[in-house]
Amino acid sequence: MAPRLEAIHTTLAAYRSPAIARGFLLMANYPCRLPCRIITNMNWYSHIRAHHDRLMQRYSQGNVVLEKQESVPGPEPWDPPVIATVYYPLRATVRGIDAEHLDSASNLTMSDLIIQCAVPAVVPAVDDVVRVDGAALAVLQVTALPGAGGPVGYKLVARG
């Protein structure tokens, strides 16, 4: 066995916890027979997104629907487009806004709601409407979670 591999296996043998050993192998980026997997950026985001989706499925609250106005072209090229309202159900949690989000520079109030949702079929926008248990709320802010990389979910700030 090569000296580097011997050192890694000797170091792993010193750990009693399989979780620590797996974490060490992930950092060492060394495939071996121990139960481990190498997580790349793409796999990591898909893993975190699946975990977030499971949490939103388990803890989603009420009936939350994203309402978008979409333009559908007419049957003939000279016909004007038809504006249709399309509804997309969201797996989401709804809570009041925290004091940490309020400052003199923002236009948020204590009556606004924060809606955290799994990634829907379409990307939410500021001009959309969210219906929470039938009550229409205007979307004020849309933030992808996390701020960089592929979105795992969205945080919407809405006002009714």
Protein backbone atom coordinates (compact mmCIF):
# COMPACT_ATOMS: atom_id res chain seq x y z
CA MET A 1 0.00 0.00 0.00
CA ALA A 2 1.26 3.48 -0.85
CA PRO A 3 2.45 5.63 2.12
CA ARG A 4 -0.32 8.23 1.59
CA LEU A 5 -3.04 5.57 1.55
CA GLU A 6 -1.56 3.92 4.64
CA ALA A 7 -1.65 7.25 6.45
CA ILE A 8 -5.31 7.82 5.51
CA HIS A 9 -6.37 4.33 6.62
CA THR A 10 -4.36 4.64 9.85
CA THR A 11 -6.01 8.00 10.56
CA LEU A 12 -9.45 6.55 9.85
CA ALA A 13 -8.80 3.61 12.15
CA ALA A 14 -8.18 6.09 15.00
CA TYR A 15 -11.74 7.43 14.69
CA ARG A 16 -14.46 5.44 16.42
CA SER A 17 -17.34 7.25 14.72
CA PRO A 18 -18.22 6.17 11.14
CA ALA A 19 -19.64 9.66 10.52
CA ILE A 20 -16.28 11.29 11.24
CA ALA A 21 -14.55 8.71 9.06
CA ARG A 22 -16.98 9.40 6.20
CA GLY A 23 -16.45 13.15 6.57
CA PHE A 24 -12.70 12.65 6.50
CA LEU A 25 -12.99 10.57 3.33
CA LEU A 26 -15.17 13.24 1.72
CA MET A 27 -12.53 15.85 2.51
CA ALA A 28 -9.71 13.59 1.32
CA ASN A 29 -11.69 12.88 -1.86
CA TYR A 30 -10.44 9.29 -1.72
CA PRO A 31 -12.77 6.43 -2.74
CA CYS A 32 -12.33 3.29 -0.64
CA ARG A 33 -14.32 0.35 0.68
CA LEU A 34 -15.67 2.23 3.69
CA PRO A 35 -19.24 3.55 3.37
CA CYS A 36 -18.65 6.93 1.82
CA ARG A 37 -19.65 8.92 -1.19
CA ILE A 38 -17.95 11.72 -2.97
CA ILE A 39 -20.22 14.73 -3.24
CA THR A 40 -19.64 17.10 -6.12
CA ASN A 41 -21.24 20.53 -6.36
CA MET A 42 -24.02 19.26 -8.62
CA ASN A 43 -24.78 16.29 -6.39
CA TRP A 44 -24.67 18.48 -3.30
CA TYR A 45 -27.27 20.94 -4.63
CA SER A 46 -29.56 18.14 -5.81
CA HIS A 47 -29.18 16.43 -2.42
CA ILE A 48 -29.98 19.62 -0.50
CA ARG A 49 -32.88 20.43 -2.84
CA ALA A 50 -34.38 16.95 -2.30
CA HIS A 51 -34.00 17.38 1.47
CA HIS A 52 -35.66 20.84 1.34
CA ASP A 53 -38.49 19.40 -0.78
CA ARG A 54 -39.07 16.63 1.79
CA LEU A 55 -39.19 19.20 4.61
CA MET A 56 -41.63 21.41 2.70
CA GLN A 57 -43.79 18.36 1.91
CA ARG A 58 -43.83 17.37 5.57
CA TYR A 59 -44.36 20.80 7.16
CA SER A 60 -46.29 22.70 4.47
CA GLN A 61 -49.09 24.83 5.88
CA GLY A 62 -52.52 25.49 4.49
CA ASN A 63 -53.37 26.06 0.88
CA VAL A 64 -50.70 28.22 -0.80
CA VAL A 65 -51.01 28.93 -4.53
CA LEU A 66 -48.85 31.06 -6.83
CA GLU A 67 -51.00 33.00 -9.32
CA LYS A 68 -49.28 34.17 -12.52
CA GLN A 69 -50.61 36.17 -15.44
CA GLU A 70 -49.36 34.56 -18.65
CA SER A 71 -49.78 35.66 -22.22
CA VAL A 72 -51.05 32.98 -24.62
CA PRO A 73 -50.76 33.76 -28.35
CA GLY A 74 -53.97 33.94 -30.34
CA PRO A 75 -54.99 31.17 -32.76
CA GLU A 76 -53.92 33.28 -35.76
CA PRO A 77 -50.83 35.51 -35.99
CA TRP A 78 -52.98 38.66 -36.33
CA ASP A 79 -55.09 37.84 -33.26
CA PRO A 80 -54.02 39.62 -30.06
CA PRO A 81 -52.59 37.48 -27.28
CA VAL A 82 -54.93 36.32 -24.56
CA ILE A 83 -53.97 36.97 -20.93
CA ALA A 84 -54.66 33.88 -18.83
CA THR A 85 -54.33 33.37 -15.09
CA VAL A 86 -52.43 30.19 -14.24
CA TYR A 87 -52.32 28.74 -10.73
CA TYR A 88 -49.32 26.79 -9.40
CA PRO A 89 -49.69 25.02 -6.02
CA LEU A 90 -46.80 25.58 -3.60
CA ARG A 91 -45.47 23.43 -0.80
CA ALA A 92 -44.72 26.23 1.63
CA THR A 93 -44.56 27.48 5.19
CA VAL A 94 -45.99 30.87 6.10
CA ARG A 95 -44.94 33.05 9.03
CA GLY A 96 -44.96 36.65 10.10
CA ILE A 97 -42.04 38.92 9.40
CA ASP A 98 -39.24 39.12 11.97
CA ALA A 99 -38.04 42.35 13.54
CA GLU A 100 -34.61 41.72 12.00
CA HIS A 101 -36.08 42.29 8.53
CA LEU A 102 -37.50 45.68 9.47
CA ASP A 103 -35.36 48.79 9.17
CA SER A 104 -35.82 52.37 8.06
CA ALA A 105 -34.59 51.62 4.52
CA SER A 106 -37.11 48.86 3.77
CA ASN A 107 -40.78 49.30 3.04
CA LEU A 108 -41.76 46.18 5.02
CA THR A 109 -44.29 46.24 7.84
CA MET A 110 -45.08 43.87 10.69
CA SER A 111 -48.24 42.71 8.90
CA ASP A 112 -46.25 41.31 5.93
CA LEU A 113 -45.77 37.56 5.62
CA ILE A 114 -42.70 35.47 4.73
CA ILE A 115 -43.47 32.45 2.58
CA GLN A 116 -40.73 29.87 2.19
CA CYS A 117 -41.47 27.35 -0.53
CA ALA A 118 -39.94 24.51 -2.49
CA VAL A 119 -38.91 25.26 -6.08
CA PRO A 120 -42.18 25.62 -8.05
CA ALA A 121 -42.76 24.81 -11.72
CA VAL A 122 -42.12 28.48 -12.59
CA VAL A 123 -39.89 31.07 -10.94
CA PRO A 124 -41.90 33.52 -8.80
CA ALA A 125 -41.64 37.21 -9.69
CA VAL A 126 -42.39 40.46 -7.87
CA ASP A 127 -45.56 41.17 -9.85
CA ASP A 128 -47.16 37.79 -9.00
CA VAL A 129 -49.93 37.10 -6.50
CA VAL A 130 -49.78 34.43 -3.81
CA ARG A 131 -53.00 33.08 -2.34
CA VAL A 132 -52.74 31.83 1.23
CA ASP A 133 -55.94 30.00 2.23
CA GLY A 134 -57.80 32.05 -0.39
CA ALA A 135 -56.50 35.48 0.66
CA ALA A 136 -54.64 37.27 -2.14
CA LEU A 137 -51.21 38.67 -1.25
CA ALA A 138 -48.99 40.79 -3.49
CA VAL A 139 -45.38 39.59 -3.71
CA LEU A 140 -42.93 42.32 -2.62
CA GLN A 141 -39.62 40.41 -2.63
CA VAL A 142 -38.37 37.15 -4.10
CA THR A 143 -35.13 35.62 -2.79
CA ALA A 144 -33.62 32.38 -4.04
CA LEU A 145 -32.26 30.05 -1.35
CA PRO A 146 -29.25 29.86 -1.22
CA GLY A 147 -28.09 33.18 -2.67
CA ALA A 148 -25.62 31.51 -5.06
CA GLY A 149 -25.78 28.27 -7.01
CA GLY A 150 -28.89 26.40 -8.02
CA PRO A 151 -32.03 27.35 -6.09
CA VAL A 152 -33.14 24.93 -3.39
CA GLY A 153 -36.21 26.99 -2.55
CA TYR A 154 -37.57 30.52 -2.55
CA LYS A 155 -38.38 33.02 0.18
CA LEU A 156 -41.20 35.40 -0.75
CA VAL A 157 -42.25 38.47 1.21
CA ALA A 158 -45.92 39.24 0.57
CA ARG A 159 -48.44 41.82 1.69
CA GLY A 160 -52.22 41.45 1.77
